[in-house]
Each structure stands twice: as C-alpha cells, then as structure tokens.
Amino acid sequence: MKNYGVSALIALVVSLGVFFAVPQFTDFGKSVKIEHVSGTPAQGALYTADENGNMIPVDFTQLAEKAMDAVVHIKSTQIQQYTNSNNSYQYRELPDPFKEFFGGDDFFEQFFGPRRYYQTPQPREPQARVGTGSGVIINSEGYIVTNNHVIANADDIEVTLHDNRTFKATVVGTDPSTDLALLQIKASGLSTLPLVNSDDVKVGEWVLAVGNPFNLNSTVTAGIVSAKSRNINILREQFAVESFIQTDAAINPGNSGGALINLSGGLIGINTAIASPTGAYAGYGFAVPSNIVNKVVEDLLKYGIVQRGFLGITIRGVDATLIKEKELEVETGVYVDSVGQNSAAKEAGIKEGDVIVEIDGKKVNTTSELQEVVASHRPGDKLEVKVNRKGKEVVSQVVLRNREGETNFLDKARTTIFNNLGAQFEDLDKKTAKKLNIDGGVKVSKLFAGKLKRNTAIKEGFIITKIDGRVIKSVDDLETALKDKKGGVLIEGVYEDLPGTHYYALGL
C-alpha cells in the first residue's frame, strides 16, 4: 500500500506541473498560443576564408540578388521548312464507273491494270523548334555570353531579363570549339557580372550556379568546385578545347549559358554541360573557365573570329601504362605523340617522345591543362615550354602559329567558308599532281561536321580541281571561288586511288 501511495503522489505532482507550467498546450477549448522567434541563432555561423585569408560569413542572399539581375533567359527559335519527298506526285485511286453498269470485278483493271491519276502534294506548314537556355550580361551596353549550342542554327533569338523586359538579340560571333557565343541586345545601363581570373579558382571553394533550368527563371543553386581542368569529350568540333570547371551545384537543361560565380560575385565560368545517365542533374556540372571566355569574347569583338594559337602536336596524358610502355622518367605531364611538319613545336625543337611538364610558367599534368593555356594565346605569341626528354629537362621558346601553320591572324571570311564546309584543305604537292597528270589542286585532308560531310559523298583524300568549271590549284583559289558564293556549287575533282573524274553538287 505504501508503494502505491508514493506512485500516486508522484503522478499527481507531474500532472499538476504540466498543467500549470505549459498552459498554452493544455488549455483545452481555448486558442493555442505558439511563440515565434525572429531570426535564427545559427545565422552567419558558417564562415569561410577569402583570397586574403580573412574570415567571412557564407551568405548567398546578396550574391544571388546581384547575379539574377545579370543572368538572362534565352529563347532560340529555328524554323524547319518541310520539302516534298523524292516523288514529285502522290497517287490516288480512280473510282470505277464501269462497276455501276457491269458490276462484279473491276472491268477497267481487267484490260488496263490499276487506275491512278496524279495529284500534286500539298506543302506542309513550316514548323518551329524552340530551345531555351541562359546567358550572362558582361557589358552594360548589352553584350551577353552564352553557349553556342543554345543559339546554333536559330532563326530568331529572344532575350528576357530578370525584370521581364524582352529584346531581340543579334549574334556577334560564335566559337563552336569552346561552345561559346556572343550576343548583343539594344539596351544600356544593364547589370553585369565581372570576369575573374579562373586560374585562381580553388577546388573546394563555394560557388553559385545561376540560370533558367526547365524554364524555371532565375534559379540559384549552391555547391563547391569539385575539380578543375576536366575533359569530358563532349565537343565534337575540329579543334575543340575542353578544360571545364567541375561543380556539384545543381545544373540542369536550361542552365546552359548561365553563370557560375564565386563568393565575391565574380564570374568564374559559363555553365555548359552535365554528366548524367538520365539527362537531369546527377551531381556533376561543368563550366567553361572565365579565362577562356574572356579570350573568346575579346577575339570576337576585335577580329570577328577567334584567333587561336597552336603548337602543332598530337598529345596524350601520362599515366602508369604509358610510363611503363615508353619507359618515361616522369610520373606526370603531357606526352608528345607526333609533331607536325610545319608547326610551332617543330620549329622550337620539340620532338616526338618529349613530355611537356610546364608551359608559360605553369605546370601541366593533363592534356586539358595544356590546351587551356595554349588556347588563351594567339598566333605569334611566344611561350616558354619545358619538356622532359629521356630524363633531362629541356626549355624551348615557341612562337605559336595558326591552324594553317602561319604566325599571322586568320582571315574571317576564309575561316567562315571552310568552317561552313566542315573540312581542312591543303595544296596538292607537285609529285602527286604529276602522278595524276593534273596541273594542281586542293586536297580534302580532313572532314568534320559541315556541309561536305552532311550533304555530299565526298571522302577524305578527294582532290578538288574545279569549282563551277573554274580551275583550282591552291587553297587561295578555293577561297576566291567560294567567297560570297550563293546557291548551288558543282565541285569537280579526282581521287588518288580511284579512276575517273568525280562530281559533287552542293548548296551554299
């Protein structure tokens, strides 16, 4: 009985304590009072170090507000014109007037076979393909950077700002090899994002991705830089340059062309691609570094095309297999597989089998790191290249050349023509010309994505001898014949190992 009395007393005390201590939850039948606290004790509790080592709170609100004003939504529209099939006419069966009188089987078909008349097909209405993406305002006068794949082949480009103003955009220039494009709208006094030195970006630092994924305008996501100098083999252009900044900030379709910024509000990259088995975010996003963006924009504004320097070598990264195969004396670097005959590397004394370990004062461990450094320079620029040659370090001074093996800048018109065709050309050597009993010609040394590969059956090695009956003896002749050319073109030429003359028709 004593134990029961103690238990009852304890229960009574607890019940009374709860009743009087927390009346807001036990006052049945009356309004329930819940206290709200303004602000959170954890606000500003997360800190990081800036470039000077000063501790600053990680607060994305002001960064996001500033970035959203400088990131735009892009809608690109391509009009698809439908053409008739190879048959110029469609067939329709004729009614049988004889059946009405004779009945039974088709009387007409017994003597003349199936009856048909011809009807001209009705043209189909053009269909519009609409794609969307993002862009970054980098100049208050309306210059916008985006991805080339966002606006490629567009007939109409519309830009919507964060404040919902809409403008038609014109294309200033494009660079498919880096998947970048420069647009302009007729507006002024716009908010912008400054480009910063992407070489200073560190793995592990906080970044924000700003864009318009799935048409969800002005979306901001946060993450860190998870890697640098990534090559994911996504660009299929002839001289593609891939040295992406990798981030785990969520990037989805529609983010293409958007901004990747650091905690200082500086643009460190243009979001370009994702690695995903589903086509949606899976943890890996990739951005073109701002140093490459800066170089492309400068060239497009000043020269109309990108003036890129080349070493003139084929390369691959050093790994354990290559070290064992080639008995290399280094563990990292870029291995030189071959050196072009008329190249900057050959002129500087770089040899096959060398391992490039440093260029322009920067150590290089991967092919993408080397590509990024070289791509940021123009033909005629001088770079110091340090190689390991059979255990010894050799330093060379290299004068970069253009992709045609010259130190001068490329002509915009010529480059545009050849890029449109999607081919690399070279003058036919005299020995081969004599063997084929022709005066000269231009050899298609390599084919890439373009009109020749898409619209003709031309093969690599084809030797162009005439364009519309005009004799072609050099690459200069080819450029002159195609410059300002519109409409159909008849290409005539020969193959070194096939008999006869071959003709290909092409529409420009």
Protein backbone atom coordinates (compact mmCIF):
# COMPACT_ATOMS: atom_id res chain seq x y z
CA MET A 1 0.00 0.00 0.00
CA LYS A 2 2.90 2.31 0.77
CA ASN A 3 4.35 1.83 -2.74
CA TYR A 4 1.02 2.53 -4.38
CA GLY A 5 0.67 5.74 -2.33
CA VAL A 6 4.09 7.04 -3.41
CA SER A 7 3.37 6.30 -7.09
CA ALA A 8 0.03 8.08 -6.89
CA LEU A 9 1.65 11.12 -5.27
CA ILE A 10 4.32 11.35 -7.99
CA ALA A 11 1.73 11.10 -10.75
CA LEU A 12 -0.30 13.88 -9.18
CA VAL A 13 2.71 16.21 -8.89
CA VAL A 14 3.73 15.62 -12.53
CA SER A 15 0.21 16.22 -13.80
CA LEU A 16 -0.15 19.48 -11.87
CA GLY A 17 3.29 20.62 -13.04
CA VAL A 18 2.46 20.04 -16.68
CA PHE A 19 -0.94 21.70 -16.32
CA PHE A 20 0.37 24.91 -14.73
CA ALA A 21 3.77 25.12 -16.49
CA VAL A 22 2.52 24.72 -20.07
CA PRO A 23 -0.96 26.22 -20.20
CA GLN A 24 -0.71 27.12 -23.86
CA PHE A 25 -0.85 23.41 -24.79
CA THR A 26 -3.29 22.15 -22.11
CA ASP A 27 -5.89 24.90 -22.02
CA PHE A 28 -8.43 22.87 -23.94
CA GLY A 29 -11.21 24.66 -25.78
CA LYS A 30 -9.27 27.94 -25.98
CA SER A 31 -6.87 29.41 -28.64
CA VAL A 32 -3.43 27.81 -28.70
CA LYS A 33 -0.51 30.18 -28.31
CA ILE A 34 2.77 29.34 -30.07
CA GLU A 35 5.75 31.63 -29.68
CA HIS A 36 7.69 32.69 -32.81
CA VAL A 37 11.29 33.91 -32.70
CA SER A 38 12.51 36.40 -35.34
CA GLY A 39 15.88 35.44 -36.79
CA THR A 40 17.79 32.26 -36.11
CA PRO A 41 20.69 31.83 -33.71
CA ALA A 42 22.60 29.97 -36.47
CA GLN A 43 22.52 32.91 -38.91
CA GLY A 44 26.03 33.84 -40.02
CA ALA A 45 27.52 30.94 -38.08
CA LEU A 46 29.17 29.42 -41.20
CA TYR A 47 32.41 31.10 -42.23
CA THR A 48 34.99 30.71 -44.97
CA ALA A 49 38.25 32.42 -45.88
CA ASP A 50 38.59 34.91 -48.76
CA GLU A 51 41.63 35.16 -51.02
CA ASN A 52 43.42 37.24 -48.36
CA GLY A 53 42.73 34.75 -45.58
CA ASN A 54 40.07 36.88 -43.91
CA MET A 55 37.13 35.02 -42.43
CA ILE A 56 33.81 35.99 -43.98
CA PRO A 57 30.31 34.61 -43.36
CA VAL A 58 28.84 32.36 -46.06
CA ASP A 59 25.76 34.32 -47.05
CA PHE A 60 24.36 33.74 -50.54
CA THR A 61 21.46 36.22 -50.43
CA GLN A 62 23.24 39.35 -51.71
CA LEU A 63 25.22 37.33 -54.27
CA ALA A 64 22.07 35.72 -55.60
CA GLU A 65 20.26 39.04 -55.90
CA LYS A 66 23.12 40.61 -57.82
CA ALA A 67 23.65 37.61 -60.09
CA MET A 68 19.98 37.20 -61.02
CA ASP A 69 19.92 40.73 -62.45
CA ALA A 70 22.81 39.86 -64.78
CA VAL A 71 21.61 36.42 -65.93
CA VAL A 72 19.06 36.28 -68.76
CA HIS A 73 16.67 33.74 -70.25
CA ILE A 74 17.27 32.93 -73.93
CA LYS A 75 14.70 31.51 -76.31
CA SER A 76 16.03 30.43 -79.71
CA THR A 77 13.64 29.52 -82.50
CA GLN A 78 14.52 27.53 -85.61
CA ILE A 79 12.03 27.34 -88.48
CA GLN A 80 12.03 23.94 -90.17
CA GLN A 81 10.99 24.01 -93.80
CA TYR A 82 9.48 20.74 -94.99
CA THR A 83 10.15 19.62 -98.53
CA ASN A 84 8.35 17.06 -100.66
CA SER A 85 9.70 13.54 -100.92
CA ASN A 86 11.66 12.27 -103.91
CA ASN A 87 8.39 11.55 -105.72
CA SER A 88 7.02 14.72 -107.26
CA TYR A 89 3.47 13.41 -107.12
CA GLN A 90 1.17 11.45 -104.87
CA TYR A 91 -1.09 8.65 -106.15
CA ARG A 92 -4.85 8.32 -105.65
CA GLU A 93 -7.07 5.53 -106.90
CA LEU A 94 -9.69 6.43 -109.55
CA PRO A 95 -13.31 5.39 -108.99
CA ASP A 96 -14.57 2.67 -111.36
CA PRO A 97 -17.51 3.97 -113.42
CA PHE A 98 -17.83 0.55 -115.13
CA LYS A 99 -18.82 -1.19 -111.91
CA GLU A 100 -22.06 0.73 -111.87
CA PHE A 101 -23.06 -0.88 -115.18
CA PHE A 102 -21.28 -4.24 -115.22
CA GLY A 103 -20.99 -5.00 -111.51
CA GLY A 104 -18.62 -7.60 -110.10
CA ASP A 105 -14.89 -7.27 -110.55
CA ASP A 106 -13.20 -4.13 -111.73
CA PHE A 107 -13.88 -4.07 -115.50
CA PHE A 108 -11.25 -1.40 -116.23
CA GLU A 109 -8.44 -3.22 -114.42
CA GLN A 110 -9.06 -6.42 -116.43
CA PHE A 111 -7.83 -4.64 -119.56
CA PHE A 112 -5.66 -1.75 -118.40
CA GLY A 113 -4.44 -2.58 -114.88
CA PRO A 114 -4.86 -0.35 -111.80
CA ARG A 115 -6.20 3.13 -112.49
CA ARG A 116 -4.41 6.12 -110.96
CA TYR A 117 -4.22 9.82 -111.52
CA TYR A 118 -1.53 12.20 -110.30
CA GLN A 119 -2.08 14.87 -107.72
CA THR A 120 0.46 17.48 -106.66
CA PRO A 121 1.06 17.14 -102.89
CA GLN A 122 0.05 19.98 -100.64
CA PRO A 123 3.01 21.76 -98.98
CA ARG A 124 3.34 21.31 -95.24
CA GLU A 125 3.40 24.32 -92.97
CA PRO A 126 6.84 25.27 -91.56
CA GLN A 127 7.33 24.04 -88.02
CA ALA A 128 9.12 25.97 -85.30
CA ARG A 129 11.62 24.30 -82.99
CA VAL A 130 12.12 26.24 -79.78
CA GLY A 131 15.05 25.82 -77.45
CA THR A 132 15.80 27.64 -74.22
CA GLY A 133 18.88 28.42 -72.21
CA SER A 134 20.61 31.12 -70.22
CA GLY A 135 23.09 33.91 -70.80
CA VAL A 136 25.26 36.29 -68.79
CA ILE A 137 25.42 40.06 -69.32
CA ILE A 138 29.10 41.03 -69.28
CA ASN A 139 28.78 44.59 -70.54
CA SER A 140 26.26 47.31 -69.67
CA GLU A 141 25.76 48.03 -73.38
CA GLY A 142 24.03 44.70 -73.95
CA TYR A 143 26.74 42.12 -74.68
CA ILE A 144 25.73 38.65 -73.50
CA VAL A 145 27.76 35.43 -73.33
CA THR A 146 26.02 32.09 -73.75
CA ASN A 147 26.71 28.63 -75.15
CA ASN A 148 26.92 28.12 -78.89
CA HIS A 149 24.62 25.10 -78.66
CA VAL A 150 21.88 27.32 -77.16
CA ILE A 151 21.62 29.51 -80.28
CA ALA A 152 23.07 27.31 -83.05
CA ASN A 153 21.06 27.46 -86.30
CA ALA A 154 18.49 29.79 -84.71
CA ASP A 155 16.35 31.98 -86.97
CA ASP A 156 15.19 34.12 -84.06
CA ILE A 157 16.74 34.80 -80.65
CA GLU A 158 14.78 36.40 -77.84
CA VAL A 159 16.32 37.51 -74.55
CA THR A 160 14.30 38.11 -71.38
CA LEU A 161 15.87 39.99 -68.49
CA HIS A 162 15.23 39.34 -64.81
CA ASP A 163 12.83 42.30 -64.76
CA ASN A 164 10.82 40.65 -67.60
CA ARG A 165 11.89 43.08 -70.32
CA THR A 166 12.28 41.26 -73.64
CA PHE A 167 14.66 42.04 -76.53
CA LYS A 168 15.58 40.54 -79.87
CA ALA A 169 19.25 39.57 -79.97
CA THR A 170 21.81 39.53 -82.76
CA VAL A 171 24.76 37.15 -82.91
CA VAL A 172 28.10 38.95 -82.71
CA GLY A 173 30.09 35.76 -83.16
CA THR A 174 30.41 32.12 -82.17
CA ASP A 175 33.17 29.67 -81.31
CA PRO A 176 31.95 26.07 -81.54
CA SER A 177 35.35 24.75 -80.44
CA THR A 178 34.70 26.10 -76.93
CA ASP A 179 30.87 26.07 -77.23
CA LEU A 180 30.66 29.82 -76.65
CA ALA A 181 28.69 32.56 -78.39
CA LEU A 182 28.45 36.32 -78.01
CA LEU A 183 25.10 38.10 -78.43
CA GLN A 184 24.02 41.73 -78.24
CA ILE A 185 20.73 43.40 -77.41
CA LYS A 186 19.78 47.06 -77.85
CA ALA A 187 19.79 48.09 -74.22
CA SER A 188 22.02 50.07 -71.89
CA GLY A 189 22.60 50.53 -68.18
CA LEU A 190 22.31 46.80 -67.58
CA SER A 191 23.55 44.88 -64.54
CA THR A 192 26.69 42.89 -65.30
CA LEU A 193 28.93 40.21 -63.83
CA PRO A 194 32.70 40.84 -63.90
CA LEU A 195 35.00 38.10 -65.18
CA VAL A 196 37.69 36.98 -62.75
CA ASN A 197 40.89 35.01 -63.21
CA SER A 198 39.76 31.38 -63.29
CA ASP A 199 43.34 30.24 -62.61
CA ASP A 200 42.80 31.44 -59.03
CA VAL A 201 39.77 29.18 -58.52
CA LYS A 202 40.43 26.52 -55.90
CA VAL A 203 38.91 23.07 -55.59
CA GLY A 204 36.58 23.10 -52.58
CA GLU A 205 35.55 26.77 -52.71
CA TRP A 206 31.89 27.77 -52.65
CA VAL A 207 30.17 28.68 -55.92
CA LEU A 208 26.66 29.55 -57.12
CA ALA A 209 25.11 28.41 -60.40
CA VAL A 210 22.53 30.84 -61.79
CA GLY A 211 20.28 30.12 -64.76
CA ASN A 212 16.90 29.00 -66.02
CA PRO A 213 16.62 25.20 -65.73
CA PHE A 214 13.42 23.68 -67.14
CA ASN A 215 12.20 27.26 -67.86
CA LEU A 216 12.23 27.99 -64.12
CA ASN A 217 13.53 31.53 -64.43
CA SER A 218 16.21 32.96 -62.15
CA THR A 219 17.11 29.77 -60.31
CA VAL A 220 20.10 29.79 -57.95
CA THR A 221 21.86 26.67 -56.65
CA ALA A 222 24.92 26.37 -54.42
CA GLY A 223 27.81 23.95 -54.27
CA ILE A 224 31.57 23.78 -54.42
CA VAL A 225 34.20 23.46 -57.13
CA SER A 226 34.77 19.72 -57.17
CA ALA A 227 37.51 19.59 -59.82
CA LYS A 228 39.31 21.65 -62.46
CA SER A 229 40.60 21.07 -65.99
CA ARG A 230 38.07 18.35 -66.81
CA ASN A 231 37.90 16.92 -70.33
CA ILE A 232 34.64 15.01 -70.87
CA ASN A 233 34.84 14.67 -74.68
CA ILE A 234 31.50 16.35 -75.29
CA LEU A 235 32.57 18.81 -78.01
CA ARG A 236 32.87 17.29 -81.47
CA GLU A 237 34.50 20.21 -83.24
CA GLN A 238 37.74 20.03 -85.16
CA PHE A 239 39.83 22.00 -82.64
CA ALA A 240 37.70 21.52 -79.53
CA VAL A 241 39.10 22.82 -76.25
CA GLU A 242 37.80 21.24 -73.05
CA SER A 243 39.16 22.27 -69.68
CA PHE A 244 35.98 22.56 -67.63
CA ILE A 245 35.49 23.64 -64.04
CA GLN A 246 33.51 20.86 -62.37
CA THR A 247 30.93 21.70 -59.70
CA ASP A 248 28.31 19.91 -57.64
CA ALA A 249 26.00 22.94 -57.72
CA ALA A 250 22.83 21.62 -59.37
CA ILE A 251 22.81 22.24 -63.13
CA ASN A 252 20.02 21.03 -65.40
CA PRO A 253 18.85 21.52 -69.01
CA GLY A 254 18.19 25.24 -69.39
CA ASN A 255 21.19 26.21 -67.23
CA SER A 256 23.36 26.15 -70.37
CA GLY A 257 24.97 29.55 -70.85
CA GLY A 258 24.30 30.59 -67.25
CA ALA A 259 26.71 31.89 -64.65
CA LEU A 260 29.00 30.11 -62.22
CA ILE A 261 30.12 32.72 -59.67
CA ASN A 262 32.33 32.79 -56.58
CA LEU A 263 31.55 34.34 -53.19
CA SER A 264 32.91 37.69 -54.40
CA GLY A 265 30.29 37.82 -57.14
CA GLY A 266 32.83 37.28 -59.92
CA LEU A 267 32.09 35.16 -62.98
CA ILE A 268 34.39 32.14 -62.94
CA GLY A 269 32.69 30.16 -65.71
CA ILE A 270 29.81 29.66 -68.13
CA ASN A 271 27.75 26.57 -67.28
CA THR A 272 27.82 24.26 -70.29
CA ALA A 273 27.26 20.57 -69.61
CA ILE A 274 26.21 17.91 -67.14
CA ALA A 275 27.30 14.31 -66.66
CA SER A 276 24.19 12.25 -66.13
CA PRO A 277 22.78 8.84 -67.07
CA THR A 278 19.27 10.34 -67.18
CA GLY A 279 19.75 13.76 -68.78
CA ALA A 280 18.99 15.51 -65.49
CA TYR A 281 21.21 16.56 -62.60
CA ALA A 282 23.21 13.73 -61.12
CA GLY A 283 25.83 15.62 -59.16
CA TYR A 284 28.25 16.76 -61.87
CA GLY A 285 28.12 20.04 -63.78
CA PHE A 286 30.75 21.63 -65.99
CA ALA A 287 31.56 25.24 -66.85
CA VAL A 288 33.89 26.88 -69.38
CA PRO A 289 36.54 28.79 -67.34
CA SER A 290 36.30 32.57 -67.42
CA ASN A 291 39.84 32.92 -68.83
CA ILE A 292 38.76 31.07 -71.98
CA VAL A 293 35.52 33.09 -72.06
CA ASN A 294 37.48 36.33 -71.85
CA LYS A 295 39.79 35.34 -74.72
CA VAL A 296 36.91 34.28 -76.98
CA VAL A 297 34.92 37.46 -76.30
CA GLU A 298 37.93 39.70 -76.97
CA ASP A 299 38.67 37.98 -80.27
CA LEU A 300 35.05 38.04 -81.46
CA LEU A 301 34.79 41.76 -80.73
CA LYS A 302 38.16 42.69 -82.22
CA TYR A 303 38.63 40.25 -85.10
CA GLY A 304 35.21 38.73 -85.78
CA ILE A 305 36.58 35.21 -85.22
CA VAL A 306 38.68 33.52 -82.56
CA GLN A 307 42.41 33.77 -83.23
CA ARG A 308 43.83 30.69 -81.57
CA GLY A 309 47.44 29.66 -81.31
CA PHE A 310 48.57 26.09 -81.96
CA LEU A 311 51.65 24.07 -81.04
CA GLY A 312 51.05 21.63 -83.89
CA ILE A 313 51.40 18.39 -81.94
CA THR A 314 49.29 15.37 -81.05
CA ILE A 315 49.31 14.59 -77.36
CA ARG A 316 48.08 12.29 -74.60
CA GLY A 317 48.26 12.34 -70.83
CA VAL A 318 50.95 10.48 -68.94
CA ASP A 319 49.62 7.53 -66.93
CA ALA A 320 51.01 4.34 -65.43
CA THR A 321 50.55 2.36 -68.65
CA LEU A 322 52.36 4.96 -70.76
CA ILE A 323 55.18 5.28 -68.24
CA LYS A 324 55.79 1.54 -68.45
CA GLU A 325 55.36 1.38 -72.24
CA LYS A 326 57.69 4.30 -73.03
CA GLU A 327 59.99 3.90 -70.00
CA LEU A 328 59.44 7.53 -69.04
CA GLU A 329 61.42 9.30 -66.35
CA VAL A 330 58.42 11.36 -65.15
CA GLU A 331 55.12 10.48 -63.50
CA THR A 332 53.00 13.40 -64.73
CA GLY A 333 52.87 15.59 -67.82
CA VAL A 334 51.72 15.54 -71.44
CA TYR A 335 53.32 13.10 -73.84
CA VAL A 336 54.09 14.26 -77.40
CA ASP A 337 52.95 11.54 -79.79
CA SER A 338 53.86 13.36 -83.01
CA VAL A 339 54.99 16.76 -84.26
CA GLY A 340 53.60 18.45 -87.39
CA GLN A 341 55.96 19.23 -90.22
CA ASN A 342 55.09 22.91 -90.44
CA SER A 343 54.39 23.53 -86.79
CA ALA A 344 55.44 25.84 -84.00
CA ALA A 345 56.64 22.88 -81.92
CA LYS A 346 58.92 21.55 -84.67
CA GLU A 347 60.39 24.99 -85.24
CA ALA A 348 61.15 25.23 -81.50
CA GLY A 349 62.86 21.83 -81.43
CA ILE A 350 60.21 19.85 -79.57
CA LYS A 351 60.44 16.18 -80.51
CA GLU A 352 58.25 13.11 -80.54
CA GLY A 353 58.58 11.34 -77.19
CA ASP A 354 59.08 14.55 -75.20
CA VAL A 355 56.93 15.03 -72.10
CA ILE A 356 55.72 18.59 -71.61
CA VAL A 357 55.82 19.38 -67.88
CA GLU A 358 55.50 23.16 -67.90
CA ILE A 359 54.31 25.90 -70.28
CA ASP A 360 54.22 29.64 -69.81
CA GLY A 361 55.42 29.16 -66.24
CA LYS A 362 52.54 26.83 -65.34
CA LYS A 363 52.90 23.16 -64.52
CA VAL A 364 50.77 20.87 -66.70
CA ASN A 365 49.66 17.42 -65.59
CA THR A 366 46.89 16.77 -68.11
CA THR A 367 46.15 17.43 -71.77
CA SER A 368 43.26 19.73 -70.86
CA GLU A 369 45.55 21.92 -68.75
CA LEU A 370 47.92 22.27 -71.70
CA GLN A 371 45.05 23.01 -74.09
CA GLU A 372 43.68 25.71 -71.80
CA VAL A 373 46.99 27.56 -71.63
CA VAL A 374 47.63 27.40 -75.38
CA ALA A 375 44.02 28.30 -76.25
CA SER A 376 44.33 31.51 -74.26
CA HIS A 377 47.02 32.78 -76.66
CA ARG A 378 47.05 33.94 -80.27
CA PRO A 379 49.27 33.18 -83.28
CA GLY A 380 52.58 34.98 -82.91
CA ASP A 381 52.61 34.78 -79.10
CA LYS A 382 55.80 33.42 -77.54
CA LEU A 383 55.64 30.77 -74.84
CA GLU A 384 58.34 29.02 -72.84
CA VAL A 385 57.89 25.25 -72.92
CA LYS A 386 59.73 22.91 -70.56
CA VAL A 387 59.92 19.25 -71.57
CA ASN A 388 61.42 16.14 -70.07
CA ARG A 389 63.46 14.36 -72.72
CA LYS A 390 64.74 10.98 -71.55
CA GLY A 391 65.23 12.24 -68.01
CA LYS A 392 66.66 15.65 -68.88
CA GLU A 393 64.77 18.94 -68.81
CA VAL A 394 64.92 20.99 -71.99
CA VAL A 395 63.48 24.50 -72.27
CA SER A 396 62.32 25.85 -75.66
CA GLN A 397 60.88 29.15 -76.85
CA VAL A 398 57.82 28.51 -79.00
CA VAL A 399 56.17 31.02 -81.33
CA LEU A 400 52.58 29.85 -81.74
CA ARG A 401 51.09 29.51 -85.21
CA ASN A 402 47.55 29.42 -86.54
CA ARG A 403 45.92 26.18 -87.62
CA GLU A 404 47.29 26.65 -91.15
CA GLY A 405 50.88 26.76 -89.85
CA GLU A 406 51.37 30.52 -90.10
CA THR A 407 52.07 33.15 -87.45
CA ASN A 408 49.63 35.72 -88.87
CA PHE A 409 45.97 36.00 -87.89
CA LEU A 410 43.33 34.13 -89.86
CA ASP A 411 41.04 35.93 -92.26
CA LYS A 412 37.43 35.92 -91.03
CA ALA A 413 35.87 35.32 -94.46
CA ARG A 414 38.18 32.40 -95.26
CA THR A 415 37.68 30.76 -91.89
CA THR A 416 33.92 31.13 -92.10
CA ILE A 417 33.83 29.48 -95.55
CA PHE A 418 35.92 26.48 -94.53
CA ASN A 419 34.12 26.05 -91.20
CA ASN A 420 30.83 26.04 -93.09
CA LEU A 421 32.12 23.30 -95.38
CA GLY A 422 33.48 21.38 -92.41
CA ALA A 423 36.83 20.43 -93.90
CA GLN A 424 40.54 21.02 -93.69
CA PHE A 425 42.27 21.70 -97.01
CA GLU A 426 45.86 21.68 -98.24
CA ASP A 427 47.61 22.39 -101.52
CA LEU A 428 48.31 19.26 -103.56
CA ASP A 429 52.03 18.51 -103.69
CA LYS A 430 53.72 18.61 -107.11
CA LYS A 431 54.73 14.95 -107.01
CA THR A 432 51.14 13.75 -106.64
CA ALA A 433 49.92 16.27 -109.23
CA LYS A 434 52.42 14.91 -111.75
CA LYS A 435 51.43 11.34 -110.95
CA LEU A 436 47.75 12.15 -111.61
CA ASN A 437 48.63 14.21 -114.70
CA ILE A 438 46.94 17.37 -113.41
CA ASP A 439 48.27 20.91 -113.01
CA GLY A 440 47.40 21.09 -109.32
CA GLY A 441 44.51 21.02 -106.90
CA VAL A 442 43.35 21.20 -103.32
CA LYS A 443 43.21 18.09 -101.18
CA VAL A 444 40.48 17.49 -98.60
CA SER A 445 42.81 16.37 -95.82
CA LYS A 446 40.16 16.01 -93.14
CA LEU A 447 36.37 16.14 -92.84
CA PHE A 448 34.38 17.38 -89.87
CA ALA A 449 30.76 18.29 -89.17
CA GLY A 450 29.67 20.54 -92.05
CA LYS A 451 28.06 20.74 -95.46
CA LEU A 452 30.53 18.48 -97.28
CA LYS A 453 30.06 15.60 -94.87
CA ARG A 454 26.35 16.16 -94.38
CA ASN A 455 25.23 16.85 -97.95
CA THR A 456 27.71 15.08 -100.22
CA ALA A 457 29.54 11.77 -100.50
CA ILE A 458 32.99 13.37 -100.63
CA LYS A 459 35.67 11.33 -98.89
CA GLU A 460 38.88 12.42 -97.24
CA GLY A 461 41.64 12.49 -99.83
CA PHE A 462 39.44 13.95 -102.59
CA ILE A 463 41.36 16.42 -104.76
CA ILE A 464 39.37 19.44 -105.92
CA THR A 465 40.41 20.57 -109.39
CA LYS A 466 37.46 22.78 -110.41
CA ILE A 467 34.63 24.77 -108.83
CA ASP A 468 31.81 25.55 -111.28
CA GLY A 469 34.27 24.94 -114.11
CA ARG A 470 36.86 27.29 -112.61
CA VAL A 471 40.35 25.75 -112.26
CA ILE A 472 41.51 25.35 -108.65
CA LYS A 473 45.24 24.98 -108.00
CA SER A 474 45.58 26.21 -104.40
CA VAL A 475 43.69 26.84 -101.18
CA ASP A 476 43.70 30.55 -102.09
CA ASP A 477 41.97 29.71 -105.39
CA LEU A 478 39.38 27.68 -103.47
CA GLU A 479 38.68 30.57 -101.11
CA THR A 480 38.31 33.03 -104.00
CA ALA A 481 35.93 30.72 -105.88
CA LEU A 482 33.66 30.24 -102.85
CA LYS A 483 33.80 33.74 -101.40
CA ASP A 484 30.37 35.40 -101.45
CA LYS A 485 29.05 32.38 -103.37
CA LYS A 486 25.33 31.70 -103.03
CA GLY A 487 23.17 28.84 -104.27
CA GLY A 488 24.42 25.69 -105.96
CA VAL A 489 28.06 24.76 -106.47
CA LEU A 490 29.48 22.00 -108.69
CA ILE A 491 32.69 20.50 -107.33
CA GLU A 492 34.89 18.55 -109.72
CA GLY A 493 37.93 16.50 -108.86
CA VAL A 494 39.72 13.18 -108.60
CA TYR A 495 40.85 10.60 -106.09
CA GLU A 496 44.42 9.37 -105.99
CA ASP A 497 43.38 5.71 -105.85
CA LEU A 498 40.14 5.76 -107.89
CA PRO A 499 39.76 6.10 -111.65
CA GLY A 500 37.83 8.84 -113.42
CA THR A 501 36.60 12.32 -112.60
CA HIS A 502 34.09 12.75 -109.79
CA TYR A 503 31.43 15.45 -109.38
CA TYR A 504 29.61 16.63 -106.28
CA ALA A 505 26.80 19.18 -106.11
CA LEU A 506 26.47 21.35 -103.03
CA GLY A 507 24.12 24.12 -101.95
CA LEU A 508 25.55 27.08 -100.07
